[in-house]
Amino acid sequence: MNAAIHPAYVETKVVCACGTSFTTRSTKEMISTDVCSKCHPFFTGEHRFIDTKGRVEEFQKKQKYAESMKDVLAKKKAKKAGKSSDAEGKSLRELLSEA
């Protein structure tokens, strides 16, 4: 193997967002991670959201908006149904005879 083309394989410190750290070997000197086996819900048994980019809040915001739009559309539909015109319910022959 040519030694000049391979990266250096050094001891690496891995630091989790929860504060846990451990040492391993890698080509990088330091690695930071959001979740480790000490704080991941699968290993801890806790039910919590792991949300690093606001995905949960974004989903909940979309759900609230969809509910509000259901209400708005229902009001529009009720308003339209209450505002029935004279032409509604008449046949074409009746409409032509009026003109």
PDB file of N, CA and C in Angstrom:
ATOM      1  N   MET A   1       0.830  -1.183   0.000  1.00  0.00           N
ATOM      2  CA  MET A   1       0.000   0.000   0.000  1.00  0.00           C
ATOM      3  C   MET A   1       0.874   1.246   0.000  1.00  0.00           C
ATOM      4  N   ASN A   2       0.405   2.212  -0.688  1.00  0.00           N
ATOM      5  CA  ASN A   2       1.119   3.473  -0.736  1.00  0.00           C
ATOM      6  C   ASN A   2       0.707   4.319   0.464  1.00  0.00           C
ATOM      7  N   ALA A   3       1.614   4.660   1.327  1.00  0.00           N
ATOM      8  CA  ALA A   3       1.313   5.385   2.565  1.00  0.00           C
ATOM      9  C   ALA A   3       0.940   6.835   2.312  1.00  0.00           C
ATOM     10  N   ALA A   4       1.322   7.401   1.225  1.00  0.00           N
ATOM     11  CA  ALA A   4       1.086   8.818   0.974  1.00  0.00           C
ATOM     12  C   ALA A   4      -0.353   9.134   0.560  1.00  0.00           C
ATOM     13  N   ILE A   5      -1.119   8.145   0.100  1.00  0.00           N
ATOM     14  CA  ILE A   5      -2.464   8.433  -0.396  1.00  0.00           C
ATOM     15  C   ILE A   5      -3.560   8.144   0.625  1.00  0.00           C
ATOM     16  N   HIS A   6      -3.264   7.475   1.733  1.00  0.00           N
ATOM     17  CA  HIS A   6      -4.282   7.127   2.723  1.00  0.00           C
ATOM     18  C   HIS A   6      -4.312   8.167   3.844  1.00  0.00           C
ATOM     19  N   PRO A   7      -5.535   8.483   4.335  1.00  0.00           N
ATOM     20  CA  PRO A   7      -5.616   9.466   5.425  1.00  0.00           C
ATOM     21  C   PRO A   7      -5.114   8.872   6.740  1.00  0.00           C
ATOM     22  N   ALA A   8      -4.756   9.731   7.659  1.00  0.00           N
ATOM     23  CA  ALA A   8      -4.271   9.284   8.967  1.00  0.00           C
ATOM     24  C   ALA A   8      -5.448   8.742   9.771  1.00  0.00           C
ATOM     25  N   TYR A   9      -5.230   7.634  10.446  1.00  0.00           N
ATOM     26  CA  TYR A   9      -6.250   6.968  11.258  1.00  0.00           C
ATOM     27  C   TYR A   9      -5.889   7.247  12.708  1.00  0.00           C
ATOM     28  N   VAL A  10      -6.595   8.207  13.347  1.00  0.00           N
ATOM     29  CA  VAL A  10      -6.228   8.686  14.669  1.00  0.00           C
ATOM     30  C   VAL A  10      -7.334   8.404  15.687  1.00  0.00           C
ATOM     31  N   GLU A  11      -6.990   8.570  16.967  1.00  0.00           N
ATOM     32  CA  GLU A  11      -8.004   8.453  18.007  1.00  0.00           C
ATOM     33  C   GLU A  11      -8.957   9.625  17.898  1.00  0.00           C
ATOM     34  N   THR A  12     -10.248   9.333  18.019  1.00  0.00           N
ATOM     35  CA  THR A  12     -11.281  10.328  17.822  1.00  0.00           C
ATOM     36  C   THR A  12     -12.160  10.417  19.055  1.00  0.00           C
ATOM     37  N   LYS A  13     -12.504  11.619  19.444  1.00  0.00           N
ATOM     38  CA  LYS A  13     -13.424  11.823  20.552  1.00  0.00           C
ATOM     39  C   LYS A  13     -14.800  12.121  19.960  1.00  0.00           C
ATOM     40  N   VAL A  14     -15.795  11.303  20.340  1.00  0.00           N
ATOM     41  CA  VAL A  14     -17.162  11.479  19.881  1.00  0.00           C
ATOM     42  C   VAL A  14     -17.949  12.095  21.023  1.00  0.00           C
ATOM     43  N   VAL A  15     -18.619  13.231  20.764  1.00  0.00           N
ATOM     44  CA  VAL A  15     -19.382  13.943  21.781  1.00  0.00           C
ATOM     45  C   VAL A  15     -20.835  14.026  21.337  1.00  0.00           C
ATOM     46  N   CYS A  16     -21.731  13.597  22.233  1.00  0.00           N
ATOM     47  CA  CYS A  16     -23.166  13.644  21.958  1.00  0.00           C
ATOM     48  C   CYS A  16     -23.741  14.950  22.484  1.00  0.00           C
ATOM     49  N   ALA A  17     -24.917  15.325  22.001  1.00  0.00           N
ATOM     50  CA  ALA A  17     -25.581  16.541  22.466  1.00  0.00           C
ATOM     51  C   ALA A  17     -25.997  16.418  23.934  1.00  0.00           C
ATOM     52  N   CYS A  18     -26.180  15.202  24.440  1.00  0.00           N
ATOM     53  CA  CYS A  18     -26.569  15.008  25.842  1.00  0.00           C
ATOM     54  C   CYS A  18     -25.380  15.137  26.784  1.00  0.00           C
ATOM     55  N   GLY A  19     -24.177  15.207  26.244  1.00  0.00           N
ATOM     56  CA  GLY A  19     -22.984  15.381  27.062  1.00  0.00           C
ATOM     57  C   GLY A  19     -22.117  14.136  27.161  1.00  0.00           C
ATOM     58  N   THR A  20     -22.610  13.008  26.724  1.00  0.00           N
ATOM     59  CA  THR A  20     -21.839  11.776  26.756  1.00  0.00           C
ATOM     60  C   THR A  20     -20.726  11.832  25.714  1.00  0.00           C
ATOM     61  N   SER A  21     -19.557  11.323  26.081  1.00  0.00           N
ATOM     62  CA  SER A  21     -18.464  11.269  25.122  1.00  0.00           C
ATOM     63  C   SER A  21     -17.724   9.942  25.264  1.00  0.00           C
ATOM     64  N   PHE A  22     -17.145   9.501  24.173  1.00  0.00           N
ATOM     65  CA  PHE A  22     -16.341   8.283  24.177  1.00  0.00           C
ATOM     66  C   PHE A  22     -15.265   8.414  23.105  1.00  0.00           C
ATOM     67  N   THR A  23     -14.305   7.527  23.163  1.00  0.00           N
ATOM     68  CA  THR A  23     -13.177   7.580  22.248  1.00  0.00           C
ATOM     69  C   THR A  23     -13.214   6.373  21.317  1.00  0.00           C
ATOM     70  N   THR A  24     -12.912   6.621  20.067  1.00  0.00           N
ATOM     71  CA  THR A  24     -12.824   5.566  19.059  1.00  0.00           C
ATOM     72  C   THR A  24     -11.731   5.975  18.074  1.00  0.00           C
ATOM     73  N   ARG A  25     -11.648   5.291  16.959  1.00  0.00           N
ATOM     74  CA  ARG A  25     -10.649   5.648  15.949  1.00  0.00           C
ATOM     75  C   ARG A  25     -11.353   5.993  14.648  1.00  0.00           C
ATOM     76  N   SER A  26     -10.853   7.036  14.009  1.00  0.00           N
ATOM     77  CA  SER A  26     -11.432   7.492  12.748  1.00  0.00           C
ATOM     78  C   SER A  26     -10.413   8.370  12.033  1.00  0.00           C
ATOM     79  N   THR A  27     -10.791   8.860  10.862  1.00  0.00           N
ATOM     80  CA  THR A  27      -9.916   9.768  10.136  1.00  0.00           C
ATOM     81  C   THR A  27     -10.102  11.212  10.591  1.00  0.00           C
ATOM     82  N   LYS A  28     -11.167  11.487  11.356  1.00  0.00           N
ATOM     83  CA  LYS A  28     -11.397  12.818  11.914  1.00  0.00           C
ATOM     84  C   LYS A  28     -10.926  12.833  13.367  1.00  0.00           C
ATOM     85  N   GLU A  29     -10.581  13.999  13.866  1.00  0.00           N
ATOM     86  CA  GLU A  29     -10.119  14.105  15.248  1.00  0.00           C
ATOM     87  C   GLU A  29     -11.276  14.235  16.232  1.00  0.00           C
ATOM     88  N   MET A  30     -12.406  14.833  15.796  1.00  0.00           N
ATOM     89  CA  MET A  30     -13.548  15.008  16.679  1.00  0.00           C
ATOM     90  C   MET A  30     -14.840  14.857  15.881  1.00  0.00           C
ATOM     91  N   ILE A  31     -15.808  14.161  16.474  1.00  0.00           N
ATOM     92  CA  ILE A  31     -17.118  13.967  15.849  1.00  0.00           C
ATOM     93  C   ILE A  31     -18.167  14.380  16.872  1.00  0.00           C
ATOM     94  N   SER A  32     -19.132  15.199  16.440  1.00  0.00           N
ATOM     95  CA  SER A  32     -20.241  15.550  17.329  1.00  0.00           C
ATOM     96  C   SER A  32     -21.521  14.971  16.740  1.00  0.00           C
ATOM     97  N   THR A  33     -22.368  14.441  17.609  1.00  0.00           N
ATOM     98  CA  THR A  33     -23.596  13.802  17.173  1.00  0.00           C
ATOM     99  C   THR A  33     -24.767  14.305  18.011  1.00  0.00           C
ATOM    100  N   ASP A  34     -25.969  14.171  17.492  1.00  0.00           N
ATOM    101  CA  ASP A  34     -27.162  14.632  18.197  1.00  0.00           C
ATOM    102  C   ASP A  34     -27.696  13.579  19.156  1.00  0.00           C
ATOM    103  N   VAL A  35     -27.553  12.312  18.807  1.00  0.00           N
ATOM    104  CA  VAL A  35     -28.144  11.225  19.582  1.00  0.00           C
ATOM    105  C   VAL A  35     -27.126  10.104  19.738  1.00  0.00           C
ATOM    106  N   CYS A  36     -27.075   9.533  20.932  1.00  0.00           N
ATOM    107  CA  CYS A  36     -26.213   8.367  21.164  1.00  0.00           C
ATOM    108  C   CYS A  36     -27.044   7.275  21.843  1.00  0.00           C
ATOM    109  N   SER A  37     -26.414   6.176  22.182  1.00  0.00           N
ATOM    110  CA  SER A  37     -27.142   5.073  22.809  1.00  0.00           C
ATOM    111  C   SER A  37     -27.579   5.399  24.232  1.00  0.00           C
ATOM    112  N   LYS A  38     -26.996   6.409  24.842  1.00  0.00           N
ATOM    113  CA  LYS A  38     -27.388   6.808  26.207  1.00  0.00           C
ATOM    114  C   LYS A  38     -28.676   7.630  26.204  1.00  0.00           C
ATOM    115  N   CYS A  39     -28.964   8.343  25.114  1.00  0.00           N
ATOM    116  CA  CYS A  39     -30.123   9.231  25.102  1.00  0.00           C
ATOM    117  C   CYS A  39     -31.151   8.896  24.018  1.00  0.00           C
ATOM    118  N   HIS A  40     -30.886   7.919  23.156  1.00  0.00           N
ATOM    119  CA  HIS A  40     -31.834   7.570  22.094  1.00  0.00           C
ATOM    120  C   HIS A  40     -33.063   6.886  22.690  1.00  0.00           C
ATOM    121  N   PRO A  41     -34.287   7.257  22.252  1.00  0.00           N
ATOM    122  CA  PRO A  41     -35.504   6.676  22.811  1.00  0.00           C
ATOM    123  C   PRO A  41     -35.589   5.153  22.669  1.00  0.00           C
ATOM    124  N   PHE A  42     -35.002   4.597  21.648  1.00  0.00           N
ATOM    125  CA  PHE A  42     -35.041   3.140  21.483  1.00  0.00           C
ATOM    126  C   PHE A  42     -34.320   2.447  22.627  1.00  0.00           C
ATOM    127  N   PHE A  43     -33.210   2.989  23.052  1.00  0.00           N
ATOM    128  CA  PHE A  43     -32.416   2.368  24.108  1.00  0.00           C
ATOM    129  C   PHE A  43     -32.896   2.757  25.507  1.00  0.00           C
ATOM    130  N   THR A  44     -33.441   3.961  25.662  1.00  0.00           N
ATOM    131  CA  THR A  44     -33.857   4.420  26.987  1.00  0.00           C
ATOM    132  C   THR A  44     -35.283   4.037  27.322  1.00  0.00           C
ATOM    133  N   GLY A  45     -36.126   3.789  26.320  1.00  0.00           N
ATOM    134  CA  GLY A  45     -37.516   3.446  26.554  1.00  0.00           C
ATOM    135  C   GLY A  45     -38.412   4.656  26.747  1.00  0.00           C
ATOM    136  N   GLU A  46     -37.878   5.847  26.656  1.00  0.00           N
ATOM    137  CA  GLU A  46     -38.669   7.062  26.792  1.00  0.00           C
ATOM    138  C   GLU A  46     -39.403   7.347  25.488  1.00  0.00           C
ATOM    139  N   HIS A  47     -40.552   7.978  25.616  1.00  0.00           N
ATOM    140  CA  HIS A  47     -41.290   8.412  24.437  1.00  0.00           C
ATOM    141  C   HIS A  47     -41.095   9.908  24.304  1.00  0.00           C
ATOM    142  N   ARG A  48     -40.242  10.312  23.399  1.00  0.00           N
ATOM    143  CA  ARG A  48     -40.008  11.718  23.150  1.00  0.00           C
ATOM    144  C   ARG A  48     -39.611  11.901  21.693  1.00  0.00           C
ATOM    145  N   PHE A  49     -39.802  13.108  21.222  1.00  0.00           N
ATOM    146  CA  PHE A  49     -39.440  13.436  19.850  1.00  0.00           C
ATOM    147  C   PHE A  49     -37.988  13.863  19.795  1.00  0.00           C
ATOM    148  N   ILE A  50     -37.283  13.357  18.802  1.00  0.00           N
ATOM    149  CA  ILE A  50     -35.928  13.829  18.538  1.00  0.00           C
ATOM    150  C   ILE A  50     -36.059  14.771  17.360  1.00  0.00           C
ATOM    151  N   ASP A  51     -35.974  16.043  17.649  1.00  0.00           N
ATOM    152  CA  ASP A  51     -36.268  17.054  16.653  1.00  0.00           C
ATOM    153  C   ASP A  51     -35.104  18.032  16.577  1.00  0.00           C
ATOM    154  N   THR A  52     -34.315  17.911  15.545  1.00  0.00           N
ATOM    155  CA  THR A  52     -33.159  18.794  15.420  1.00  0.00           C
ATOM    156  C   THR A  52     -33.397  19.918  14.426  1.00  0.00           C
ATOM    157  N   LYS A  53     -34.347  19.764  13.547  1.00  0.00           N
ATOM    158  CA  LYS A  53     -34.555  20.789  12.519  1.00  0.00           C
ATOM    159  C   LYS A  53     -35.972  21.337  12.527  1.00  0.00           C
ATOM    160  N   GLY A  54     -36.707  21.166  13.617  1.00  0.00           N
ATOM    161  CA  GLY A  54     -38.046  21.716  13.718  1.00  0.00           C
ATOM    162  C   GLY A  54     -39.079  20.960  12.906  1.00  0.00           C
ATOM    163  N   ARG A  55     -38.824  19.718  12.593  1.00  0.00           N
ATOM    164  CA  ARG A  55     -39.744  18.950  11.763  1.00  0.00           C
ATOM    165  C   ARG A  55     -41.063  18.671  12.482  1.00  0.00           C
ATOM    166  N   VAL A  56     -40.995  18.385  13.777  1.00  0.00           N
ATOM    167  CA  VAL A  56     -42.212  18.088  14.528  1.00  0.00           C
ATOM    168  C   VAL A  56     -43.087  19.333  14.605  1.00  0.00           C
ATOM    169  N   GLU A  57     -42.491  20.474  14.924  1.00  0.00           N
ATOM    170  CA  GLU A  57     -43.260  21.710  14.999  1.00  0.00           C
ATOM    171  C   GLU A  57     -43.852  22.057  13.638  1.00  0.00           C
ATOM    172  N   GLU A  58     -43.097  21.836  12.587  1.00  0.00           N
ATOM    173  CA  GLU A  58     -43.587  22.120  11.241  1.00  0.00           C
ATOM    174  C   GLU A  58     -44.789  21.233  10.917  1.00  0.00           C
ATOM    175  N   PHE A  59     -44.728  19.957  11.276  1.00  0.00           N
ATOM    176  CA  PHE A  59     -45.838  19.039  11.040  1.00  0.00           C
ATOM    177  C   PHE A  59     -47.059  19.469  11.838  1.00  0.00           C
ATOM    178  N   GLN A  60     -46.876  19.818  13.106  1.00  0.00           N
ATOM    179  CA  GLN A  60     -47.994  20.242  13.935  1.00  0.00           C
ATOM    180  C   GLN A  60     -48.608  21.542  13.413  1.00  0.00           C
ATOM    181  N   LYS A  61     -47.777  22.431  12.894  1.00  0.00           N
ATOM    182  CA  LYS A  61     -48.279  23.677  12.317  1.00  0.00           C
ATOM    183  C   LYS A  61     -49.138  23.384  11.084  1.00  0.00           C
ATOM    184  N   LYS A  62     -48.694  22.433  10.258  1.00  0.00           N
ATOM    185  CA  LYS A  62     -49.478  22.064   9.079  1.00  0.00           C
ATOM    186  C   LYS A  62     -50.809  21.446   9.474  1.00  0.00           C
ATOM    187  N   GLN A  63     -50.809  20.628  10.529  1.00  0.00           N
ATOM    188  CA  GLN A  63     -52.045  20.012  10.995  1.00  0.00           C
ATOM    189  C   GLN A  63     -53.035  21.063  11.489  1.00  0.00           C
ATOM    190  N   LYS A  64     -52.559  22.048  12.242  1.00  0.00           N
ATOM    191  CA  LYS A  64     -53.432  23.124  12.718  1.00  0.00           C
ATOM    192  C   LYS A  64     -54.000  23.917  11.548  1.00  0.00           C
ATOM    193  N   TYR A  65     -53.169  24.189  10.546  1.00  0.00           N
ATOM    194  CA  TYR A  65     -53.618  24.932   9.378  1.00  0.00           C
ATOM    195  C   TYR A  65     -54.687  24.138   8.622  1.00  0.00           C
ATOM    196  N   ALA A  66     -54.500  22.830   8.498  1.00  0.00           N
ATOM    197  CA  ALA A  66     -55.479  21.989   7.811  1.00  0.00           C
ATOM    198  C   ALA A  66     -56.813  22.004   8.553  1.00  0.00           C
ATOM    199  N   GLU A  67     -56.775  21.963   9.882  1.00  0.00           N
ATOM    200  CA  GLU A  67     -58.010  22.016  10.669  1.00  0.00           C
ATOM    201  C   GLU A  67     -58.716  23.351  10.483  1.00  0.00           C
ATOM    202  N   SER A  68     -57.949  24.433  10.477  1.00  0.00           N
ATOM    203  CA  SER A  68     -58.566  25.747  10.291  1.00  0.00           C
ATOM    204  C   SER A  68     -59.162  25.868   8.890  1.00  0.00           C
ATOM    205  N   MET A  69     -58.509  25.298   7.906  1.00  0.00           N
ATOM    206  CA  MET A  69     -59.039  25.341   6.546  1.00  0.00           C
ATOM    207  C   MET A  69     -60.311  24.518   6.425  1.00  0.00           C
ATOM    208  N   LYS A  70     -60.415  23.422   7.174  1.00  0.00           N
ATOM    209  CA  LYS A  70     -61.658  22.638   7.179  1.00  0.00           C
ATOM    210  C   LYS A  70     -62.812  23.500   7.676  1.00  0.00           C
ATOM    211  N   ASP A  71     -62.567  24.260   8.744  1.00  0.00           N
ATOM    212  CA  ASP A  71     -63.592  25.129   9.297  1.00  0.00           C
ATOM    213  C   ASP A  71     -63.986  26.216   8.296  1.00  0.00           C
ATOM    214  N   VAL A  72     -62.993  26.822   7.652  1.00  0.00           N
ATOM    215  CA  VAL A  72     -63.261  27.880   6.679  1.00  0.00           C
ATOM    216  C   VAL A  72     -64.068  27.335   5.506  1.00  0.00           C
ATOM    217  N   LEU A  73     -63.682  26.176   5.006  1.00  0.00           N
ATOM    218  CA  LEU A  73     -64.400  25.593   3.872  1.00  0.00           C
ATOM    219  C   LEU A  73     -65.822  25.192   4.264  1.00  0.00           C
ATOM    220  N   ALA A  74     -66.001  24.706   5.480  1.00  0.00           N
ATOM    221  CA  ALA A  74     -67.335  24.340   5.944  1.00  0.00           C
ATOM    222  C   ALA A  74     -68.228  25.587   6.038  1.00  0.00           C
ATOM    223  N   LYS A  75     -67.663  26.705   6.514  1.00  0.00           N
ATOM    224  CA  LYS A  75     -68.427  27.956   6.594  1.00  0.00           C
ATOM    225  C   LYS A  75     -68.796  28.452   5.207  1.00  0.00           C
ATOM    226  N   LYS A  76     -67.861  28.376   4.263  1.00  0.00           N
ATOM    227  CA  LYS A  76     -68.140  28.809   2.900  1.00  0.00           C
ATOM    228  C   LYS A  76     -69.230  27.949   2.269  1.00  0.00           C
ATOM    229  N   LYS A  77     -69.152  26.658   2.525  1.00  0.00           N
ATOM    230  CA  LYS A  77     -70.138  25.739   1.970  1.00  0.00           C
ATOM    231  C   LYS A  77     -71.522  26.024   2.546  1.00  0.00           C
ATOM    232  N   ALA A  78     -71.588  26.269   3.860  1.00  0.00           N
ATOM    233  CA  ALA A  78     -72.854  26.571   4.505  1.00  0.00           C
ATOM    234  C   ALA A  78     -73.410  27.895   3.997  1.00  0.00           C
ATOM    235  N   LYS A  79     -72.549  28.883   3.797  1.00  0.00           N
ATOM    236  CA  LYS A  79     -72.972  30.179   3.297  1.00  0.00           C
ATOM    237  C   LYS A  79     -73.515  30.049   1.873  1.00  0.00           C
ATOM    238  N   LYS A  80     -72.846  29.246   1.060  1.00  0.00           N
ATOM    239  CA  LYS A  80     -73.269  29.046  -0.312  1.00  0.00           C
ATOM    240  C   LYS A  80     -74.594  28.291  -0.363  1.00  0.00           C
ATOM    241  N   ALA A  81     -74.777  27.315   0.516  1.00  0.00           N
ATOM    242  CA  ALA A  81     -76.019  26.548   0.546  1.00  0.00           C
ATOM    243  C   ALA A  81     -77.179  27.425   1.019  1.00  0.00           C
ATOM    244  N   GLY A  82     -76.929  28.349   1.925  1.00  0.00           N
ATOM    245  CA  GLY A  82     -77.964  29.242   2.425  1.00  0.00           C
ATOM    246  C   GLY A  82     -78.344  30.313   1.426  1.00  0.00           C
ATOM    247  N   LYS A  83     -77.493  30.586   0.471  1.00  0.00           N
ATOM    248  CA  LYS A  83     -77.697  31.618  -0.529  1.00  0.00           C
ATOM    249  C   LYS A  83     -78.144  30.996  -1.842  1.00  0.00           C
ATOM    250  N   SER A  84     -79.174  30.162  -1.805  1.00  0.00           N
ATOM    251  CA  SER A  84     -79.611  29.497  -3.027  1.00  0.00           C
ATOM    252  C   SER A  84     -80.321  30.494  -3.931  1.00  0.00           C
ATOM    253  N   SER A  85     -80.045  30.451  -5.175  1.00  0.00           N
ATOM    254  CA  SER A  85     -80.630  31.395  -6.131  1.00  0.00           C
ATOM    255  C   SER A  85     -81.976  30.876  -6.623  1.00  0.00           C
ATOM    256  N   ASP A  86     -82.686  31.728  -7.318  1.00  0.00           N
ATOM    257  CA  ASP A  86     -83.988  31.348  -7.854  1.00  0.00           C
ATOM    258  C   ASP A  86     -83.852  30.318  -8.964  1.00  0.00           C
ATOM    259  N   ALA A  87     -82.728  30.344  -9.655  1.00  0.00           N
ATOM    260  CA  ALA A  87     -82.520  29.432 -10.767  1.00  0.00           C
ATOM    261  C   ALA A  87     -82.293  28.000 -10.284  1.00  0.00           C
ATOM    262  N   GLU A  88     -81.940  27.870  -9.043  1.00  0.00           N
ATOM    263  CA  GLU A  88     -81.662  26.536  -8.517  1.00  0.00           C
ATOM    264  C   GLU A  88     -82.979  25.783  -8.335  1.00  0.00           C
ATOM    265  N   GLY A  89     -83.064  24.591  -8.858  1.00  0.00           N
ATOM    266  CA  GLY A  89     -84.259  23.771  -8.715  1.00  0.00           C
ATOM    267  C   GLY A  89     -85.231  23.909  -9.878  1.00  0.00           C
ATOM    268  N   LYS A  90     -84.992  24.837 -10.791  1.00  0.00           N
ATOM    269  CA  LYS A  90     -85.871  25.003 -11.936  1.00  0.00           C
ATOM    270  C   LYS A  90     -85.272  24.297 -13.138  1.00  0.00           C
ATOM    271  N   SER A  91     -86.134  23.844 -13.997  1.00  0.00           N
ATOM    272  CA  SER A  91     -85.663  23.174 -15.201  1.00  0.00           C
ATOM    273  C   SER A  91     -85.328  24.219 -16.266  1.00  0.00           C
ATOM    274  N   LEU A  92     -84.722  23.800 -17.330  1.00  0.00           N
ATOM    275  CA  LEU A  92     -84.344  24.706 -18.408  1.00  0.00           C
ATOM    276  C   LEU A  92     -85.586  25.292 -19.072  1.00  0.00           C
ATOM    277  N   ARG A  93     -86.599  24.478 -19.202  1.00  0.00           N
ATOM    278  CA  ARG A  93     -87.851  24.941 -19.846  1.00  0.00           C
ATOM    279  C   ARG A  93     -88.475  26.076 -19.029  1.00  0.00           C
ATOM    280  N   GLU A  94     -88.467  25.924 -17.685  1.00  0.00           N
ATOM    281  CA  GLU A  94     -89.035  26.967 -16.833  1.00  0.00           C
ATOM    282  C   GLU A  94     -88.228  28.257 -16.929  1.00  0.00           C
ATOM    283  N   LEU A  95     -86.897  28.116 -16.955  1.00  0.00           N
ATOM    284  CA  LEU A  95     -86.046  29.294 -17.051  1.00  0.00           C
ATOM    285  C   LEU A  95     -86.252  30.021 -18.376  1.00  0.00           C
ATOM    286  N   LEU A  96     -86.399  29.272 -19.470  1.00  0.00           N
ATOM    287  CA  LEU A  96     -86.611  29.895 -20.786  1.00  0.00           C
ATOM    288  C   LEU A  96     -87.970  30.543 -20.892  1.00  0.00           C
ATOM    289  N   SER A  97     -88.973  29.965 -20.249  1.00  0.00           N
ATOM    290  CA  SER A  97     -90.320  30.539 -20.331  1.00  0.00           C
ATOM    291  C   SER A  97     -90.414  31.858 -19.574  1.00  0.00           C
ATOM    292  N   GLU A  98     -89.549  32.061 -18.542  1.00  0.00           N
ATOM    293  CA  GLU A  98     -89.559  33.306 -17.792  1.00  0.00           C
ATOM    294  C   GLU A  98     -88.995  34.464 -18.610  1.00  0.00           C
ATOM    295  N   ALA A  99     -88.077  34.181 -19.495  1.00  0.00           N
ATOM    296  CA  ALA A  99     -87.401  35.251 -20.232  1.00  0.00           C
ATOM    297  C   ALA A  99     -88.178  35.817 -21.355  1.00  0.00           C
TER     298      ALA A  99
END
